[in-house]
Amino acid sequence: SGSLERNIANLVNVFSKRIKVMDECIRQHLPQVEYTIPHGGYFFWLRLPNADTQELQKRALAQKVGLRPGIRFSSQNGLRDYFRLGFSFYSEDQIEEGILRLKASLQK
Protein backbone atom coordinates (compact mmCIF):
# COMPACT_ATOMS: atom_id res chain seq x y z
CA SER A 1 0.00 0.00 0.00
CA GLY A 2 3.01 2.29 0.32
CA SER A 3 2.24 3.17 3.93
CA LEU A 4 5.59 1.85 5.16
CA GLU A 5 7.50 4.06 2.73
CA ARG A 6 5.38 7.08 3.70
CA ASN A 7 5.97 6.39 7.39
CA ILE A 8 9.72 6.08 6.88
CA ALA A 9 9.80 9.30 4.85
CA ASN A 10 7.84 11.05 7.60
CA LEU A 11 10.21 9.80 10.32
CA VAL A 12 13.26 10.89 8.32
CA ASN A 13 11.72 14.37 8.07
CA VAL A 14 10.75 14.52 11.76
CA PHE A 15 14.11 13.24 13.01
CA SER A 16 16.04 15.53 10.66
CA LYS A 17 14.27 18.55 12.15
CA ARG A 18 14.95 17.34 15.69
CA ILE A 19 18.63 16.77 14.93
CA LYS A 20 18.88 20.27 13.47
CA VAL A 21 17.22 21.83 16.53
CA MET A 22 19.42 19.90 18.95
CA ASP A 23 22.54 20.83 17.01
CA GLU A 24 21.59 24.53 17.00
CA CYS A 25 20.72 24.51 20.70
CA ILE A 26 23.94 22.75 21.69
CA ARG A 27 26.03 25.18 19.62
CA GLN A 28 24.25 28.16 21.16
CA HIS A 29 23.91 27.08 24.78
CA LEU A 30 26.66 24.49 25.36
CA PRO A 31 29.69 25.77 23.45
CA GLN A 32 32.04 23.95 25.82
CA VAL A 33 30.98 20.49 24.64
CA GLU A 34 32.40 18.59 21.70
CA TYR A 35 30.23 16.42 19.47
CA THR A 36 29.44 15.36 15.96
CA ILE A 37 26.02 15.40 14.39
CA PRO A 38 24.65 11.85 14.21
CA HIS A 39 24.19 10.30 10.79
CA GLY A 40 22.21 7.38 12.15
CA GLY A 41 20.69 6.24 15.40
CA TYR A 42 18.70 8.25 17.89
CA PHE A 43 21.39 9.85 20.04
CA PHE A 44 23.89 12.66 20.18
CA TRP A 45 27.18 11.72 21.81
CA LEU A 46 28.77 14.68 23.55
CA ARG A 47 32.13 15.14 25.24
CA LEU A 48 32.65 17.53 28.11
CA PRO A 49 36.44 17.54 28.59
CA ASN A 50 37.62 16.72 32.11
CA ALA A 51 34.06 16.27 33.40
CA ASP A 52 32.62 13.49 35.50
CA THR A 53 29.46 12.77 33.55
CA GLN A 54 28.12 10.53 36.30
CA GLU A 55 28.07 13.59 38.54
CA LEU A 56 26.62 15.63 35.66
CA GLN A 57 23.84 13.06 35.38
CA LYS A 58 22.86 13.70 39.00
CA ARG A 59 22.81 17.48 38.52
CA ALA A 60 20.90 17.11 35.24
CA LEU A 61 18.27 14.89 36.88
CA ALA A 62 17.66 17.67 39.41
CA GLN A 63 16.78 19.83 36.37
CA LYS A 64 14.59 17.02 34.96
CA VAL A 65 17.02 16.12 32.17
CA GLY A 66 17.95 12.54 31.50
CA LEU A 67 21.35 11.76 30.08
CA ARG A 68 23.45 8.62 30.04
CA PRO A 69 27.11 8.79 31.08
CA GLY A 70 29.53 7.30 28.58
CA ILE A 71 31.04 4.97 31.17
CA ARG A 72 27.87 2.87 30.97
CA PHE A 73 28.74 2.04 27.37
CA SER A 74 32.41 1.26 27.91
CA SER A 75 33.75 -2.22 28.62
CA GLN A 76 36.98 -0.75 30.01
CA ASN A 77 35.73 2.02 32.31
CA GLY A 78 36.38 4.67 29.67
CA LEU A 79 34.32 7.46 28.14
CA ARG A 80 34.06 9.17 31.52
CA ASP A 81 33.77 12.61 29.97
CA TYR A 82 31.22 11.54 27.34
CA PHE A 83 27.45 11.42 27.62
CA ARG A 84 24.53 10.54 25.42
CA LEU A 85 21.37 12.56 24.73
CA GLY A 86 18.37 11.20 22.88
CA PHE A 87 16.25 13.17 20.43
CA SER A 88 13.78 10.67 19.01
CA PHE A 89 11.09 10.89 21.70
CA TYR A 90 11.04 14.66 22.14
CA SER A 91 9.48 17.50 20.19
CA GLU A 92 11.62 20.36 18.96
CA ASP A 93 10.36 22.58 21.81
CA GLN A 94 11.14 19.88 24.37
CA ILE A 95 14.64 19.47 22.95
CA GLU A 96 15.30 23.19 23.30
CA GLU A 97 13.94 23.21 26.85
CA GLY A 98 16.07 20.19 27.73
CA ILE A 99 19.25 21.82 26.46
CA LEU A 100 18.46 24.96 28.46
CA ARG A 101 17.95 22.84 31.58
CA LEU A 102 21.18 20.99 30.90
CA LYS A 103 22.95 24.34 30.60
CA ALA A 104 21.56 25.30 34.02
CA SER A 105 22.85 22.06 35.53
CA LEU A 106 26.35 22.82 34.20
CA GLN A 107 26.31 26.25 35.85
CA LYS A 108 25.77 24.88 39.34
C-alpha atoms as a PDB file:
ATOM      1  CA  SER A   1       0.000   0.000   0.000  1.00  0.00           C
ATOM      2  CA  GLY A   2       3.007   2.292   0.317  1.00  0.00           C
ATOM      3  CA  SER A   3       2.238   3.167   3.928  1.00  0.00           C
ATOM      4  CA  LEU A   4       5.595   1.846   5.157  1.00  0.00           C
ATOM      5  CA  GLU A   5       7.496   4.064   2.728  1.00  0.00           C
ATOM      6  CA  ARG A   6       5.381   7.078   3.702  1.00  0.00           C
ATOM      7  CA  ASN A   7       5.970   6.388   7.388  1.00  0.00           C
ATOM      8  CA  ILE A   8       9.721   6.077   6.880  1.00  0.00           C
ATOM      9  CA  ALA A   9       9.799   9.304   4.854  1.00  0.00           C
ATOM     10  CA  ASN A  10       7.838  11.051   7.600  1.00  0.00           C
ATOM     11  CA  LEU A  11      10.205   9.802  10.322  1.00  0.00           C
ATOM     12  CA  VAL A  12      13.256  10.894   8.318  1.00  0.00           C
ATOM     13  CA  ASN A  13      11.722  14.366   8.066  1.00  0.00           C
ATOM     14  CA  VAL A  14      10.750  14.517  11.761  1.00  0.00           C
ATOM     15  CA  PHE A  15      14.113  13.241  13.009  1.00  0.00           C
ATOM     16  CA  SER A  16      16.045  15.534  10.656  1.00  0.00           C
ATOM     17  CA  LYS A  17      14.271  18.551  12.147  1.00  0.00           C
ATOM     18  CA  ARG A  18      14.946  17.345  15.686  1.00  0.00           C
ATOM     19  CA  ILE A  19      18.632  16.775  14.931  1.00  0.00           C
ATOM     20  CA  LYS A  20      18.880  20.266  13.470  1.00  0.00           C
ATOM     21  CA  VAL A  21      17.221  21.826  16.534  1.00  0.00           C
ATOM     22  CA  MET A  22      19.419  19.896  18.954  1.00  0.00           C
ATOM     23  CA  ASP A  23      22.543  20.834  17.006  1.00  0.00           C
ATOM     24  CA  GLU A  24      21.586  24.529  17.002  1.00  0.00           C
ATOM     25  CA  CYS A  25      20.725  24.506  20.704  1.00  0.00           C
ATOM     26  CA  ILE A  26      23.944  22.748  21.689  1.00  0.00           C
ATOM     27  CA  ARG A  27      26.027  25.177  19.618  1.00  0.00           C
ATOM     28  CA  GLN A  28      24.249  28.160  21.156  1.00  0.00           C
ATOM     29  CA  HIS A  29      23.914  27.079  24.781  1.00  0.00           C
ATOM     30  CA  LEU A  30      26.658  24.493  25.356  1.00  0.00           C
ATOM     31  CA  PRO A  31      29.689  25.766  23.446  1.00  0.00           C
ATOM     32  CA  GLN A  32      32.037  23.951  25.821  1.00  0.00           C
ATOM     33  CA  VAL A  33      30.983  20.486  24.642  1.00  0.00           C
ATOM     34  CA  GLU A  34      32.404  18.592  21.701  1.00  0.00           C
ATOM     35  CA  TYR A  35      30.226  16.421  19.474  1.00  0.00           C
ATOM     36  CA  THR A  36      29.439  15.365  15.960  1.00  0.00           C
ATOM     37  CA  ILE A  37      26.016  15.403  14.389  1.00  0.00           C
ATOM     38  CA  PRO A  38      24.650  11.848  14.214  1.00  0.00           C
ATOM     39  CA  HIS A  39      24.192  10.299  10.793  1.00  0.00           C
ATOM     40  CA  GLY A  40      22.208   7.377  12.153  1.00  0.00           C
ATOM     41  CA  GLY A  41      20.692   6.236  15.402  1.00  0.00           C
ATOM     42  CA  TYR A  42      18.698   8.245  17.889  1.00  0.00           C
ATOM     43  CA  PHE A  43      21.386   9.852  20.042  1.00  0.00           C
ATOM     44  CA  PHE A  44      23.893  12.655  20.185  1.00  0.00           C
ATOM     45  CA  TRP A  45      27.182  11.717  21.811  1.00  0.00           C
ATOM     46  CA  LEU A  46      28.773  14.683  23.547  1.00  0.00           C
ATOM     47  CA  ARG A  47      32.126  15.135  25.239  1.00  0.00           C
ATOM     48  CA  LEU A  48      32.650  17.531  28.109  1.00  0.00           C
ATOM     49  CA  PRO A  49      36.442  17.536  28.591  1.00  0.00           C
ATOM     50  CA  ASN A  50      37.621  16.715  32.108  1.00  0.00           C
ATOM     51  CA  ALA A  51      34.057  16.267  33.399  1.00  0.00           C
ATOM     52  CA  ASP A  52      32.618  13.492  35.503  1.00  0.00           C
ATOM     53  CA  THR A  53      29.458  12.767  33.553  1.00  0.00           C
ATOM     54  CA  GLN A  54      28.122  10.527  36.301  1.00  0.00           C
ATOM     55  CA  GLU A  55      28.069  13.593  38.537  1.00  0.00           C
ATOM     56  CA  LEU A  56      26.620  15.626  35.661  1.00  0.00           C
ATOM     57  CA  GLN A  57      23.844  13.060  35.377  1.00  0.00           C
ATOM     58  CA  LYS A  58      22.860  13.704  39.000  1.00  0.00           C
ATOM     59  CA  ARG A  59      22.808  17.479  38.523  1.00  0.00           C
ATOM     60  CA  ALA A  60      20.902  17.112  35.237  1.00  0.00           C
ATOM     61  CA  LEU A  61      18.273  14.894  36.877  1.00  0.00           C
ATOM     62  CA  ALA A  62      17.664  17.666  39.407  1.00  0.00           C
ATOM     63  CA  GLN A  63      16.784  19.833  36.369  1.00  0.00           C
ATOM     64  CA  LYS A  64      14.595  17.016  34.961  1.00  0.00           C
ATOM     65  CA  VAL A  65      17.022  16.123  32.170  1.00  0.00           C
ATOM     66  CA  GLY A  66      17.954  12.536  31.504  1.00  0.00           C
ATOM     67  CA  LEU A  67      21.353  11.755  30.078  1.00  0.00           C
ATOM     68  CA  ARG A  68      23.453   8.621  30.042  1.00  0.00           C
ATOM     69  CA  PRO A  69      27.112   8.790  31.079  1.00  0.00           C
ATOM     70  CA  GLY A  70      29.529   7.296  28.585  1.00  0.00           C
ATOM     71  CA  ILE A  71      31.044   4.968  31.166  1.00  0.00           C
ATOM     72  CA  ARG A  72      27.866   2.874  30.973  1.00  0.00           C
ATOM     73  CA  PHE A  73      28.739   2.039  27.374  1.00  0.00           C
ATOM     74  CA  SER A  74      32.414   1.258  27.911  1.00  0.00           C
ATOM     75  CA  SER A  75      33.751  -2.216  28.621  1.00  0.00           C
ATOM     76  CA  GLN A  76      36.983  -0.748  30.008  1.00  0.00           C
ATOM     77  CA  ASN A  77      35.734   2.023  32.312  1.00  0.00           C
ATOM     78  CA  GLY A  78      36.384   4.674  29.671  1.00  0.00           C
ATOM     79  CA  LEU A  79      34.318   7.456  28.138  1.00  0.00           C
ATOM     80  CA  ARG A  80      34.056   9.165  31.521  1.00  0.00           C
ATOM     81  CA  ASP A  81      33.770  12.614  29.974  1.00  0.00           C
ATOM     82  CA  TYR A  82      31.218  11.543  27.344  1.00  0.00           C
ATOM     83  CA  PHE A  83      27.454  11.422  27.623  1.00  0.00           C
ATOM     84  CA  ARG A  84      24.529  10.542  25.418  1.00  0.00           C
ATOM     85  CA  LEU A  85      21.371  12.563  24.734  1.00  0.00           C
ATOM     86  CA  GLY A  86      18.367  11.200  22.876  1.00  0.00           C
ATOM     87  CA  PHE A  87      16.253  13.169  20.434  1.00  0.00           C
ATOM     88  CA  SER A  88      13.776  10.668  19.006  1.00  0.00           C
ATOM     89  CA  PHE A  89      11.088  10.890  21.700  1.00  0.00           C
ATOM     90  CA  TYR A  90      11.040  14.656  22.140  1.00  0.00           C
ATOM     91  CA  SER A  91       9.476  17.500  20.192  1.00  0.00           C
ATOM     92  CA  GLU A  92      11.615  20.364  18.961  1.00  0.00           C
ATOM     93  CA  ASP A  93      10.358  22.580  21.808  1.00  0.00           C
ATOM     94  CA  GLN A  94      11.141  19.882  24.367  1.00  0.00           C
ATOM     95  CA  ILE A  95      14.640  19.474  22.950  1.00  0.00           C
ATOM     96  CA  GLU A  96      15.302  23.188  23.300  1.00  0.00           C
ATOM     97  CA  GLU A  97      13.939  23.213  26.853  1.00  0.00           C
ATOM     98  CA  GLY A  98      16.070  20.191  27.732  1.00  0.00           C
ATOM     99  CA  ILE A  99      19.254  21.824  26.456  1.00  0.00           C
ATOM    100  CA  LEU A 100      18.464  24.964  28.463  1.00  0.00           C
ATOM    101  CA  ARG A 101      17.949  22.844  31.575  1.00  0.00           C
ATOM    102  CA  LEU A 102      21.180  20.990  30.899  1.00  0.00           C
ATOM    103  CA  LYS A 103      22.950  24.338  30.604  1.00  0.00           C
ATOM    104  CA  ALA A 104      21.559  25.300  34.018  1.00  0.00           C
ATOM    105  CA  SER A 105      22.853  22.061  35.525  1.00  0.00           C
ATOM    106  CA  LEU A 106      26.348  22.825  34.198  1.00  0.00           C
ATOM    107  CA  GLN A 107      26.310  26.248  35.853  1.00  0.00           C
ATOM    108  CA  LYS A 108      25.775  24.884  39.341  1.00  0.00           C
END
